[in-house]
Every structure is written in C-alpha cells, then in structure tokens.
C-alpha cells in the first residue's frame, strides 16, 4: 500500500524507495522489486486487491518468491510481477 500511496501522492520512484527503506529497514523489499511495483501502480496495472495483497506479502519478507506469492493468493505465477 505504501507504494500505491506514494504514486498517488506524486512521489518519484527514488523518493518512494527511500521512504520504504526508512520505514522497513532491513526487511524492505529490494530496489528492483520496488521499481517493478512502482511502475505497475504508476501505469495503472496494479489496482486489484490481489496485487495489493502481494505487495504486502513482499513487505513482510522481501525474500518471498513469486511462486510463494502466487500460491498464497491462488493466482498464476505470471500474474505476479
């Protein structure tokens, strides 16, 4: 939800990554993953509840695999960015 909020608030990706790192510290998602999610929200491709929940899963444990997220949300692995 933090990434979606930052996109709506007009924050750029670098600012968003800084805020996520500040908030979550060593538990923060990687820069590459955050940029992927940022692009999805910015482009309007991440508006479903499933996608928002998968972002939350990533913030819980940044080492969560795409397959683990897909299994937990009962969606295809290709659906998880």
PDB file of N, CA and C in Angstrom:
ATOM      1  N   UNK A   1       0.812  -1.194   0.000  1.00  0.00           N
ATOM      2  CA  UNK A   1       0.000   0.000   0.000  1.00  0.00           C
ATOM      3  C   UNK A   1       0.857   1.260   0.000  1.00  0.00           C
ATOM      4  N   UNK A   2       2.021   1.177   0.572  1.00  0.00           N
ATOM      5  CA  UNK A   2       2.886   2.353   0.644  1.00  0.00           C
ATOM      6  C   UNK A   2       3.289   2.833  -0.750  1.00  0.00           C
ATOM      7  N   UNK A   3       3.553   1.899  -1.648  1.00  0.00           N
ATOM      8  CA  UNK A   3       3.972   2.288  -2.992  1.00  0.00           C
ATOM      9  C   UNK A   3       2.819   2.966  -3.709  1.00  0.00           C
ATOM     10  N   UNK A   4       1.630   2.390  -3.611  1.00  0.00           N
ATOM     11  CA  UNK A   4       0.454   2.984  -4.256  1.00  0.00           C
ATOM     12  C   UNK A   4       0.219   4.390  -3.707  1.00  0.00           C
ATOM     13  N   UNK A   5       0.355   4.555  -2.404  1.00  0.00           N
ATOM     14  CA  UNK A   5       0.180   5.867  -1.788  1.00  0.00           C
ATOM     15  C   UNK A   5       1.191   6.867  -2.353  1.00  0.00           C
ATOM     16  N   UNK A   6       2.448   6.454  -2.429  1.00  0.00           N
ATOM     17  CA  UNK A   6       3.492   7.356  -2.931  1.00  0.00           C
ATOM     18  C   UNK A   6       3.240   7.754  -4.378  1.00  0.00           C
ATOM     19  N   UNK A   7       2.803   6.807  -5.206  1.00  0.00           N
ATOM     20  CA  UNK A   7       2.495   7.126  -6.602  1.00  0.00           C
ATOM     21  C   UNK A   7       1.366   8.148  -6.651  1.00  0.00           C
ATOM     22  N   UNK A   8       0.305   7.916  -5.868  1.00  0.00           N
ATOM     23  CA  UNK A   8      -0.833   8.847  -5.849  1.00  0.00           C
ATOM     24  C   UNK A   8      -0.437  10.211  -5.299  1.00  0.00           C
ATOM     25  N   UNK A   9       0.540  10.230  -4.396  1.00  0.00           N
ATOM     26  CA  UNK A   9       0.988  11.491  -3.791  1.00  0.00           C
ATOM     27  C   UNK A   9       1.983  12.234  -4.673  1.00  0.00           C
ATOM     28  N   UNK A  10       2.358  11.638  -5.807  1.00  0.00           N
ATOM     29  CA  UNK A  10       3.267  12.307  -6.728  1.00  0.00           C
ATOM     30  C   UNK A  10       4.738  12.117  -6.417  1.00  0.00           C
ATOM     31  N   UNK A  11       5.052  11.181  -5.537  1.00  0.00           N
ATOM     32  CA  UNK A  11       6.454  10.896  -5.230  1.00  0.00           C
ATOM     33  C   UNK A  11       7.085  10.162  -6.412  1.00  0.00           C
ATOM     34  N   UNK A  12       8.337  10.450  -6.689  1.00  0.00           N
ATOM     35  CA  UNK A  12       9.042   9.716  -7.733  1.00  0.00           C
ATOM     36  C   UNK A  12       9.576   8.416  -7.143  1.00  0.00           C
ATOM     37  N   UNK A  13       9.999   7.507  -8.009  1.00  0.00           N
ATOM     38  CA  UNK A  13      10.419   6.177  -7.571  1.00  0.00           C
ATOM     39  C   UNK A  13      11.560   6.240  -6.555  1.00  0.00           C
ATOM     40  N   UNK A  14      12.516   7.113  -6.759  1.00  0.00           N
ATOM     41  CA  UNK A  14      13.657   7.219  -5.839  1.00  0.00           C
ATOM     42  C   UNK A  14      13.192   7.635  -4.451  1.00  0.00           C
ATOM     43  N   UNK A  15      12.281   8.599  -4.387  1.00  0.00           N
ATOM     44  CA  UNK A  15      11.736   9.028  -3.096  1.00  0.00           C
ATOM     45  C   UNK A  15      10.969   7.884  -2.426  1.00  0.00           C
ATOM     46  N   UNK A  16      10.199   7.167  -3.234  1.00  0.00           N
ATOM     47  CA  UNK A  16       9.416   6.045  -2.711  1.00  0.00           C
ATOM     48  C   UNK A  16      10.332   4.987  -2.128  1.00  0.00           C
ATOM     49  N   UNK A  17      11.390   4.646  -2.847  1.00  0.00           N
ATOM     50  CA  UNK A  17      12.337   3.649  -2.359  1.00  0.00           C
ATOM     51  C   UNK A  17      12.976   4.107  -1.046  1.00  0.00           C
ATOM     52  N   UNK A  18      13.322   5.377  -0.956  1.00  0.00           N
ATOM     53  CA  UNK A  18      13.899   5.908   0.277  1.00  0.00           C
ATOM     54  C   UNK A  18      12.940   5.804   1.454  1.00  0.00           C
ATOM     55  N   UNK A  19      11.681   6.115   1.218  1.00  0.00           N
ATOM     56  CA  UNK A  19      10.674   6.032   2.285  1.00  0.00           C
ATOM     57  C   UNK A  19      10.443   4.586   2.725  1.00  0.00           C
ATOM     58  N   UNK A  20      10.397   3.681   1.772  1.00  0.00           N
ATOM     59  CA  UNK A  20      10.199   2.260   2.105  1.00  0.00           C
ATOM     60  C   UNK A  20      11.385   1.757   2.924  1.00  0.00           C
ATOM     61  N   UNK A  21      12.587   2.104   2.503  1.00  0.00           N
ATOM     62  CA  UNK A  21      13.776   1.692   3.251  1.00  0.00           C
ATOM     63  C   UNK A  21      13.782   2.273   4.655  1.00  0.00           C
ATOM     64  N   UNK A  22      13.384   3.522   4.777  1.00  0.00           N
ATOM     65  CA  UNK A  22      13.352   4.162   6.088  1.00  0.00           C
ATOM     66  C   UNK A  22      12.325   3.483   6.997  1.00  0.00           C
ATOM     67  N   UNK A  23      11.184   3.133   6.432  1.00  0.00           N
ATOM     68  CA  UNK A  23      10.117   2.529   7.225  1.00  0.00           C
ATOM     69  C   UNK A  23      10.394   1.077   7.591  1.00  0.00           C
ATOM     70  N   UNK A  24      10.949   0.298   6.652  1.00  0.00           N
ATOM     71  CA  UNK A  24      11.091  -1.142   6.867  1.00  0.00           C
ATOM     72  C   UNK A  24      12.516  -1.606   7.127  1.00  0.00           C
ATOM     73  N   UNK A  25      13.480  -0.736   6.942  1.00  0.00           N
ATOM     74  CA  UNK A  25      14.873  -1.088   7.221  1.00  0.00           C
ATOM     75  C   UNK A  25      15.320  -2.331   6.474  1.00  0.00           C
ATOM     76  N   UNK A  26      15.941  -3.260   7.183  1.00  0.00           N
ATOM     77  CA  UNK A  26      16.484  -4.454   6.540  1.00  0.00           C
ATOM     78  C   UNK A  26      15.388  -5.390   6.014  1.00  0.00           C
ATOM     79  N   UNK A  27      14.152  -5.187   6.425  1.00  0.00           N
ATOM     80  CA  UNK A  27      13.044  -6.009   5.933  1.00  0.00           C
ATOM     81  C   UNK A  27      12.424  -5.441   4.652  1.00  0.00           C
ATOM     82  N   UNK A  28      12.945  -4.315   4.180  1.00  0.00           N
ATOM     83  CA  UNK A  28      12.396  -3.683   2.978  1.00  0.00           C
ATOM     84  C   UNK A  28      12.663  -4.540   1.751  1.00  0.00           C
ATOM     85  N   UNK A  29      11.750  -4.434   0.785  1.00  0.00           N
ATOM     86  CA  UNK A  29      11.944  -5.160  -0.469  1.00  0.00           C
ATOM     87  C   UNK A  29      13.143  -4.584  -1.218  1.00  0.00           C
ATOM     88  N   UNK A  30      13.648  -5.353  -2.160  1.00  0.00           N
ATOM     89  CA  UNK A  30      14.810  -4.900  -2.919  1.00  0.00           C
ATOM     90  C   UNK A  30      14.424  -3.720  -3.808  1.00  0.00           C
ATOM     91  N   UNK A  31      15.432  -2.998  -4.236  1.00  0.00           N
ATOM     92  CA  UNK A  31      15.221  -1.841  -5.108  1.00  0.00           C
ATOM     93  C   UNK A  31      14.539  -2.268  -6.408  1.00  0.00           C
ATOM     94  N   UNK A  32      15.002  -3.354  -7.009  1.00  0.00           N
ATOM     95  CA  UNK A  32      14.448  -3.818  -8.288  1.00  0.00           C
ATOM     96  C   UNK A  32      12.967  -4.162  -8.158  1.00  0.00           C
ATOM     97  N   UNK A  33      12.591  -4.864  -7.095  1.00  0.00           N
ATOM     98  CA  UNK A  33      11.189  -5.237  -6.883  1.00  0.00           C
ATOM     99  C   UNK A  33      10.345  -3.991  -6.647  1.00  0.00           C
ATOM    100  N   UNK A  34      10.850  -3.066  -5.853  1.00  0.00           N
ATOM    101  CA  UNK A  34      10.097  -1.847  -5.577  1.00  0.00           C
ATOM    102  C   UNK A  34       9.857  -1.076  -6.877  1.00  0.00           C
ATOM    103  N   UNK A  35      10.865  -0.982  -7.741  1.00  0.00           N
ATOM    104  CA  UNK A  35      10.705  -0.278  -9.006  1.00  0.00           C
ATOM    105  C   UNK A  35       9.680  -0.967  -9.900  1.00  0.00           C
ATOM    106  N   UNK A  36       9.636  -2.297  -9.887  1.00  0.00           N
ATOM    107  CA  UNK A  36       8.632  -3.021 -10.672  1.00  0.00           C
ATOM    108  C   UNK A  36       7.225  -2.688 -10.176  1.00  0.00           C
ATOM    109  N   UNK A  37       7.038  -2.723  -8.869  1.00  0.00           N
ATOM    110  CA  UNK A  37       5.726  -2.411  -8.312  1.00  0.00           C
ATOM    111  C   UNK A  37       5.365  -0.946  -8.544  1.00  0.00           C
ATOM    112  N   UNK A  38       6.347  -0.063  -8.411  1.00  0.00           N
ATOM    113  CA  UNK A  38       6.103   1.359  -8.656  1.00  0.00           C
ATOM    114  C   UNK A  38       5.577   1.557 -10.072  1.00  0.00           C
ATOM    115  N   UNK A  39       6.229   0.921 -11.045  1.00  0.00           N
ATOM    116  CA  UNK A  39       5.812   1.037 -12.445  1.00  0.00           C
ATOM    117  C   UNK A  39       4.399   0.490 -12.642  1.00  0.00           C
ATOM    118  N   UNK A  40       4.089  -0.613 -11.983  1.00  0.00           N
ATOM    119  CA  UNK A  40       2.742  -1.185 -12.104  1.00  0.00           C
ATOM    120  C   UNK A  40       1.686  -0.224 -11.583  1.00  0.00           C
ATOM    121  N   UNK A  41       1.916   0.359 -10.419  1.00  0.00           N
ATOM    122  CA  UNK A  41       0.958   1.305  -9.867  1.00  0.00           C
ATOM    123  C   UNK A  41       0.877   2.565 -10.724  1.00  0.00           C
ATOM    124  N   UNK A  42       2.017   3.062 -11.150  1.00  0.00           N
ATOM    125  CA  UNK A  42       2.057   4.275 -11.968  1.00  0.00           C
ATOM    126  C   UNK A  42       1.291   4.079 -13.271  1.00  0.00           C
ATOM    127  N   UNK A  43       1.433   2.898 -13.861  1.00  0.00           N
ATOM    128  CA  UNK A  43       0.802   2.618 -15.150  1.00  0.00           C
ATOM    129  C   UNK A  43      -0.625   2.083 -15.018  1.00  0.00           C
ATOM    130  N   UNK A  44      -1.119   1.973 -13.782  1.00  0.00           N
ATOM    131  CA  UNK A  44      -2.480   1.522 -13.560  1.00  0.00           C
ATOM    132  C   UNK A  44      -2.670   0.028 -13.721  1.00  0.00           C
ATOM    133  N   UNK A  45      -1.605  -0.735 -13.592  1.00  0.00           N
ATOM    134  CA  UNK A  45      -1.703  -2.188 -13.774  1.00  0.00           C
ATOM    135  C   UNK A  45      -1.761  -2.934 -12.446  1.00  0.00           C
ATOM    136  N   UNK A  46      -1.838  -2.271 -11.324  1.00  0.00           N
ATOM    137  CA  UNK A  46      -1.794  -2.957 -10.020  1.00  0.00           C
ATOM    138  C   UNK A  46      -2.898  -2.464  -9.113  1.00  0.00           C
ATOM    139  N   UNK A  47      -4.101  -2.518  -9.587  1.00  0.00           N
ATOM    140  CA  UNK A  47      -5.207  -1.979  -8.804  1.00  0.00           C
ATOM    141  C   UNK A  47      -6.084  -3.037  -8.157  1.00  0.00           C
ATOM    142  N   UNK A  48      -5.822  -4.313  -8.397  1.00  0.00           N
ATOM    143  CA  UNK A  48      -6.671  -5.339  -7.811  1.00  0.00           C
ATOM    144  C   UNK A  48      -6.262  -5.612  -6.370  1.00  0.00           C
ATOM    145  N   UNK A  49      -7.200  -6.110  -5.591  1.00  0.00           N
ATOM    146  CA  UNK A  49      -6.907  -6.454  -4.203  1.00  0.00           C
ATOM    147  C   UNK A  49      -5.818  -7.516  -4.128  1.00  0.00           C
ATOM    148  N   UNK A  50      -5.804  -8.454  -5.089  1.00  0.00           N
ATOM    149  CA  UNK A  50      -4.781  -9.496  -5.090  1.00  0.00           C
ATOM    150  C   UNK A  50      -3.390  -8.893  -5.244  1.00  0.00           C
ATOM    151  N   UNK A  51      -3.256  -7.939  -6.150  1.00  0.00           N
ATOM    152  CA  UNK A  51      -1.946  -7.323  -6.351  1.00  0.00           C
ATOM    153  C   UNK A  51      -1.517  -6.500  -5.147  1.00  0.00           C
ATOM    154  N   UNK A  52      -2.461  -5.812  -4.542  1.00  0.00           N
ATOM    155  CA  UNK A  52      -2.133  -5.035  -3.347  1.00  0.00           C
ATOM    156  C   UNK A  52      -1.698  -5.973  -2.233  1.00  0.00           C
ATOM    157  N   UNK A  53      -2.395  -7.113  -2.092  1.00  0.00           N
ATOM    158  CA  UNK A  53      -2.015  -8.068  -1.055  1.00  0.00           C
ATOM    159  C   UNK A  53      -0.627  -8.636  -1.317  1.00  0.00           C
ATOM    160  N   UNK A  54      -0.280  -8.847  -2.586  1.00  0.00           N
ATOM    161  CA  UNK A  54       1.046  -9.390  -2.880  1.00  0.00           C
ATOM    162  C   UNK A  54       2.142  -8.383  -2.539  1.00  0.00           C
ATOM    163  N   UNK A  55       1.857  -7.094  -2.671  1.00  0.00           N
ATOM    164  CA  UNK A  55       2.826  -6.083  -2.243  1.00  0.00           C
ATOM    165  C   UNK A  55       3.028  -6.192  -0.734  1.00  0.00           C
ATOM    166  N   UNK A  56       1.937  -6.370  -0.015  1.00  0.00           N
ATOM    167  CA  UNK A  56       2.035  -6.530   1.436  1.00  0.00           C
ATOM    168  C   UNK A  56       2.849  -7.766   1.787  1.00  0.00           C
ATOM    169  N   UNK A  57       2.683  -8.845   1.029  1.00  0.00           N
ATOM    170  CA  UNK A  57       3.470 -10.051   1.262  1.00  0.00           C
ATOM    171  C   UNK A  57       4.955  -9.767   1.083  1.00  0.00           C
ATOM    172  N   UNK A  58       5.295  -8.967   0.090  1.00  0.00           N
ATOM    173  CA  UNK A  58       6.700  -8.647  -0.149  1.00  0.00           C
ATOM    174  C   UNK A  58       7.280  -7.803   0.976  1.00  0.00           C
ATOM    175  N   UNK A  59       6.473  -6.934   1.551  1.00  0.00           N
ATOM    176  CA  UNK A  59       6.992  -6.108   2.634  1.00  0.00           C
ATOM    177  C   UNK A  59       7.169  -6.912   3.910  1.00  0.00           C
ATOM    178  N   UNK A  60       6.419  -8.027   4.038  1.00  0.00           N
ATOM    179  CA  UNK A  60       6.589  -8.892   5.204  1.00  0.00           C
ATOM    180  C   UNK A  60       7.926  -9.621   5.148  1.00  0.00           C
ATOM    181  N   UNK A  61       8.291 -10.091   3.976  1.00  0.00           N
ATOM    182  CA  UNK A  61       9.544 -10.826   3.805  1.00  0.00           C
ATOM    183  C   UNK A  61      10.028 -10.615   2.385  1.00  0.00           C
ATOM    184  N   UNK A  62      11.045  -9.815   2.196  1.00  0.00           N
ATOM    185  CA  UNK A  62      11.497  -9.482   0.849  1.00  0.00           C
ATOM    186  C   UNK A  62      12.094 -10.670   0.109  1.00  0.00           C
ATOM    187  N   UNK A  63      12.278 -11.786   0.787  1.00  0.00           N
ATOM    188  CA  UNK A  63      12.818 -12.979   0.145  1.00  0.00           C
ATOM    189  C   UNK A  63      11.706 -13.927  -0.326  1.00  0.00           C
ATOM    190  N   UNK A  64      10.464 -13.479  -0.222  1.00  0.00           N
ATOM    191  CA  UNK A  64       9.341 -14.279  -0.678  1.00  0.00           C
ATOM    192  C   UNK A  64       9.439 -14.457  -2.186  1.00  0.00           C
ATOM    193  N   UNK A  65       9.312 -15.687  -2.648  1.00  0.00           N
ATOM    194  CA  UNK A  65       9.413 -15.953  -4.087  1.00  0.00           C
ATOM    195  C   UNK A  65       8.087 -15.661  -4.779  1.00  0.00           C
ATOM    196  N   UNK A  66       8.160 -15.463  -6.091  1.00  0.00           N
ATOM    197  CA  UNK A  66       6.952 -15.241  -6.867  1.00  0.00           C
ATOM    198  C   UNK A  66       6.008 -16.433  -6.751  1.00  0.00           C
ATOM    199  N   UNK A  67       6.575 -17.636  -6.745  1.00  0.00           N
ATOM    200  CA  UNK A  67       5.739 -18.832  -6.633  1.00  0.00           C
ATOM    201  C   UNK A  67       5.028 -18.876  -5.283  1.00  0.00           C
ATOM    202  N   UNK A  68       5.715 -18.472  -4.223  1.00  0.00           N
ATOM    203  CA  UNK A  68       5.100 -18.460  -2.896  1.00  0.00           C
ATOM    204  C   UNK A  68       3.935 -17.471  -2.861  1.00  0.00           C
ATOM    205  N   UNK A  69       4.116 -16.305  -3.481  1.00  0.00           N
ATOM    206  CA  UNK A  69       3.043 -15.309  -3.525  1.00  0.00           C
ATOM    207  C   UNK A  69       1.873 -15.846  -4.341  1.00  0.00           C
ATOM    208  N   UNK A  70       2.172 -16.417  -5.502  1.00  0.00           N
ATOM    209  CA  UNK A  70       1.118 -16.970  -6.360  1.00  0.00           C
ATOM    210  C   UNK A  70       0.339 -18.055  -5.636  1.00  0.00           C
ATOM    211  N   UNK A  71       1.037 -18.926  -4.931  1.00  0.00           N
ATOM    212  CA  UNK A  71       0.367 -19.995  -4.186  1.00  0.00           C
ATOM    213  C   UNK A  71      -0.523 -19.431  -3.081  1.00  0.00           C
ATOM    214  N   UNK A  72      -0.013 -18.456  -2.364  1.00  0.00           N
ATOM    215  CA  UNK A  72      -0.779 -17.891  -1.240  1.00  0.00           C
ATOM    216  C   UNK A  72      -2.026 -17.156  -1.729  1.00  0.00           C
ATOM    217  N   UNK A  73      -1.923 -16.493  -2.906  1.00  0.00           N
ATOM    218  CA  UNK A  73      -3.053 -15.738  -3.428  1.00  0.00           C
ATOM    219  C   UNK A  73      -3.916 -16.560  -4.377  1.00  0.00           C
ATOM    220  N   UNK A  74      -3.481 -17.780  -4.635  1.00  0.00           N
ATOM    221  CA  UNK A  74      -4.201 -18.672  -5.544  1.00  0.00           C
ATOM    222  C   UNK A  74      -4.350 -18.047  -6.933  1.00  0.00           C
ATOM    223  N   UNK A  75      -3.242 -17.503  -7.445  1.00  0.00           N
ATOM    224  CA  UNK A  75      -3.205 -16.930  -8.780  1.00  0.00           C
ATOM    225  C   UNK A  75      -2.018 -17.515  -9.519  1.00  0.00           C
ATOM    226  N   UNK A  76      -1.959 -17.339 -10.822  1.00  0.00           N
ATOM    227  CA  UNK A  76      -0.845 -17.830 -11.607  1.00  0.00           C
ATOM    228  C   UNK A  76       0.432 -17.062 -11.327  1.00  0.00           C
ATOM    229  N   UNK A  77       1.561 -17.741 -11.424  1.00  0.00           N
ATOM    230  CA  UNK A  77       2.850 -17.104 -11.172  1.00  0.00           C
ATOM    231  C   UNK A  77       3.080 -15.939 -12.138  1.00  0.00           C
ATOM    232  N   UNK A  78       2.604 -16.053 -13.379  1.00  0.00           N
ATOM    233  CA  UNK A  78       2.791 -14.996 -14.362  1.00  0.00           C
ATOM    234  C   UNK A  78       2.027 -13.728 -14.002  1.00  0.00           C
ATOM    235  N   UNK A  79       1.014 -13.845 -13.151  1.00  0.00           N
ATOM    236  CA  UNK A  79       0.237 -12.692 -12.724  1.00  0.00           C
ATOM    237  C   UNK A  79       0.984 -11.830 -11.725  1.00  0.00           C
ATOM    238  N   UNK A  80       1.912 -12.436 -11.002  1.00  0.00           N
ATOM    239  CA  UNK A  80       2.690 -11.719 -10.002  1.00  0.00           C
ATOM    240  C   UNK A  80       3.852 -11.044 -10.713  1.00  0.00           C
ATOM    241  N   UNK A  81       3.927  -9.687 -10.674  1.00  0.00           N
ATOM    242  CA  UNK A  81       5.031  -9.000 -11.366  1.00  0.00           C
ATOM    243  C   UNK A  81       6.373  -9.229 -10.717  1.00  0.00           C
TER     244      UNK A  81
END
